[in-house]
Amino acid sequence: MQQRPNIPVAVVIERQRQPNAWEAWGFRIAEVVIDEGGFGQLPRTLRDDGRTAQMLHPGLLVSLHRDEAEGYYLNLSSGAPVWFVMWRIDDDDPSRAWPEWVTLSYNEAGRQLDAQERVDNLPLSDEIAALLQAFVDEHYRPEVKQRRRPQSFKPPGQR
């Protein structure tokens, strides 16, 4: 059985104290980096000056699935391929946020957005885009478009 390709990543989330008059905390996904094992498994603070903090969240795994090949193709064909990061804010402590998962599938990100989840994106490196392109070339086969005969040309019993 062939093992699916996996890309270990870590996500950096930036938190800003009172970014405007209506919010106590503001968050943004600052970076997605390849996790080569040196980050450990637990989130940690990279910097915190009291106003802005950056937290590193290691240990996320991006798995490439054959049935998501169309979503990968759509991401690549957009002209600016991206990482999609779904993340959450803690309801009990609104100063805390974390990434739930990272994907490269446009379709998977769209499903999460449809479910009212927070999904942000960041540019994909050329190296990862090339890896994704190789996966798409191997597994994506566009559906063959079939011409539909207009209803007016079909016999009444087949309409």
Protein backbone atom coordinates (compact mmCIF):
# COMPACT_ATOMS: atom_id res chain seq x y z
CA MET A 1 0.00 0.00 0.00
CA GLN A 2 1.38 3.39 -1.02
CA GLN A 3 1.74 5.88 1.83
CA ARG A 4 0.30 9.33 1.20
CA PRO A 5 2.70 12.29 1.13
CA ASN A 6 2.86 14.32 4.34
CA ILE A 7 4.34 17.74 4.96
CA PRO A 8 5.08 18.58 8.62
CA VAL A 9 4.51 22.28 9.28
CA ALA A 10 4.44 24.83 12.09
CA VAL A 11 2.26 27.94 12.15
CA VAL A 12 3.18 31.31 13.62
CA ILE A 13 0.21 33.30 14.91
CA GLU A 14 0.66 36.97 15.73
CA ARG A 15 -1.47 38.49 18.49
CA GLN A 16 -1.91 42.22 18.91
CA ARG A 17 -3.32 43.86 22.05
CA GLN A 18 -6.28 46.18 21.33
CA PRO A 19 -5.73 46.64 17.56
CA ASN A 20 -8.69 49.06 17.50
CA ALA A 21 -11.30 50.55 19.80
CA TRP A 22 -13.71 47.61 19.37
CA GLU A 23 -11.41 44.63 19.90
CA ALA A 24 -9.36 43.60 22.91
CA TRP A 25 -7.20 41.25 20.81
CA GLY A 26 -6.42 40.87 17.12
CA PHE A 27 -4.88 37.83 15.47
CA ARG A 28 -3.34 37.00 12.13
CA ILE A 29 -1.57 34.01 10.69
CA ALA A 30 1.96 35.34 10.24
CA GLU A 31 3.78 32.38 8.72
CA VAL A 32 3.65 28.69 7.81
CA VAL A 33 7.05 27.00 7.93
CA ILE A 34 8.28 23.49 7.30
CA ASP A 35 8.75 21.69 10.63
CA GLU A 36 11.90 19.62 10.39
CA GLY A 37 11.55 18.40 13.96
CA GLY A 38 13.51 21.10 15.77
CA PHE A 39 10.49 22.98 17.10
CA GLY A 40 9.31 20.33 19.56
CA GLN A 41 5.64 19.47 20.03
CA LEU A 42 4.31 22.24 22.29
CA PRO A 43 3.38 25.80 21.32
CA ARG A 44 5.77 28.47 22.52
CA THR A 45 6.15 32.22 22.50
CA LEU A 46 8.72 33.51 20.03
CA ARG A 47 8.45 37.13 21.16
CA ASP A 48 6.16 39.24 23.33
CA ASP A 49 6.69 42.95 23.91
CA GLY A 50 3.40 43.46 25.75
CA ARG A 51 1.62 44.82 22.66
CA THR A 52 2.48 42.24 19.99
CA ALA A 53 3.25 38.56 20.52
CA GLN A 54 4.15 35.75 18.15
CA MET A 55 3.37 32.15 19.04
CA LEU A 56 4.83 29.13 17.23
CA HIS A 57 2.49 26.13 16.93
CA PRO A 58 4.47 23.08 15.73
CA GLY A 59 3.38 19.54 15.02
CA LEU A 60 0.79 20.07 12.29
CA LEU A 61 0.74 17.62 9.39
CA VAL A 62 -0.48 18.41 5.88
CA SER A 63 -1.45 15.13 4.20
CA LEU A 64 -2.07 15.00 0.47
CA HIS A 65 -5.14 12.93 -0.48
CA ARG A 66 -5.91 11.70 -3.99
CA ASP A 67 -9.59 12.57 -3.60
CA GLU A 68 -8.62 16.23 -2.95
CA ALA A 69 -6.54 16.46 -6.16
CA GLU A 70 -9.09 18.81 -7.77
CA GLY A 71 -8.79 21.20 -4.79
CA TYR A 72 -5.00 21.16 -5.09
CA TYR A 73 -5.31 21.82 -8.83
CA LEU A 74 -7.60 24.80 -8.17
CA ASN A 75 -5.11 26.19 -5.63
CA LEU A 76 -2.22 25.88 -8.09
CA SER A 77 -4.17 27.23 -11.07
CA SER A 78 -5.17 30.38 -9.15
CA GLY A 79 -1.84 31.93 -10.10
CA ALA A 80 -0.87 32.51 -6.45
CA PRO A 81 -0.93 29.16 -4.59
CA VAL A 82 -1.35 29.36 -0.82
CA TRP A 83 -1.43 27.48 2.45
CA PHE A 84 -4.92 27.47 3.98
CA VAL A 85 -4.88 27.63 7.80
CA MET A 86 -8.05 26.99 9.82
CA TRP A 87 -7.70 28.50 13.30
CA ARG A 88 -9.75 29.23 16.39
CA ILE A 89 -9.91 31.68 19.29
CA ASP A 90 -10.46 30.32 22.80
CA ASP A 91 -13.98 31.20 24.03
CA ASP A 92 -12.86 31.24 27.67
CA ASP A 93 -9.62 33.17 27.07
CA PRO A 94 -9.94 35.50 24.03
CA SER A 95 -6.22 36.31 24.23
CA ARG A 96 -5.42 32.78 23.03
CA ALA A 97 -5.69 31.44 19.47
CA TRP A 98 -4.35 28.31 17.80
CA PRO A 99 -4.33 26.62 14.37
CA GLU A 100 -6.51 23.53 14.00
CA TRP A 101 -5.17 22.33 10.64
CA VAL A 102 -3.38 23.36 7.48
CA THR A 103 -4.32 22.26 3.98
CA LEU A 104 -3.39 22.94 0.38
CA SER A 105 -6.87 22.12 -0.97
CA TYR A 106 -9.00 25.00 -2.20
CA ASN A 107 -12.10 22.78 -1.88
CA GLU A 108 -11.36 21.75 1.70
CA ALA A 109 -10.79 25.38 2.71
CA GLY A 110 -14.07 26.31 1.02
CA ARG A 111 -15.96 23.67 2.99
CA GLN A 112 -14.56 25.06 6.23
CA LEU A 113 -15.48 28.61 5.25
CA ASP A 114 -19.00 27.41 4.44
CA ALA A 115 -19.11 26.02 8.00
CA GLN A 116 -18.29 29.52 9.34
CA GLU A 117 -14.75 28.60 10.42
CA ARG A 118 -11.83 31.05 10.31
CA VAL A 119 -9.57 30.21 7.38
CA ASP A 120 -6.67 32.44 6.37
CA ASN A 121 -4.11 31.89 3.67
CA LEU A 122 -0.44 32.59 3.17
CA PRO A 123 1.70 32.32 0.01
CA LEU A 124 3.16 28.93 -0.80
CA SER A 125 6.91 28.60 -1.42
CA ASP A 126 8.07 27.54 -4.89
CA GLU A 127 9.47 24.31 -3.41
CA ILE A 128 6.13 23.22 -1.91
CA ALA A 129 4.24 24.40 -5.01
CA ALA A 130 6.48 22.13 -7.14
CA LEU A 131 5.82 19.18 -4.81
CA LEU A 132 2.08 19.86 -4.99
CA GLN A 133 2.23 20.19 -8.79
CA ALA A 134 3.90 16.76 -9.05
CA PHE A 135 1.13 15.27 -6.90
CA VAL A 136 -1.57 16.91 -9.03
CA ASP A 137 0.09 15.76 -12.27
CA GLU A 138 0.03 12.19 -10.99
CA HIS A 139 -3.46 12.08 -9.48
CA TYR A 140 -5.75 14.73 -11.00
CA ARG A 141 -7.87 13.81 -13.99
CA PRO A 142 -10.42 16.47 -14.96
CA GLU A 143 -13.95 15.26 -15.60
CA VAL A 144 -14.68 14.79 -19.27
CA LYS A 145 -17.33 17.28 -20.33
CA GLN A 146 -20.24 15.62 -22.09
CA ARG A 147 -22.41 17.54 -24.45
CA ARG A 148 -25.99 17.52 -23.30
CA ARG A 149 -28.58 17.19 -25.97
CA PRO A 150 -31.19 19.96 -25.69
CA GLN A 151 -34.52 18.78 -24.28
CA SER A 152 -36.33 19.91 -27.42
CA PHE A 153 -34.45 17.32 -29.50
CA LYS A 154 -35.34 14.37 -27.25
CA PRO A 155 -38.45 12.31 -27.82
CA PRO A 156 -41.26 13.23 -25.37
CA GLY A 157 -40.83 9.98 -23.40
CA GLN A 158 -37.15 10.76 -22.62
CA ARG A 159 -37.55 14.37 -21.43
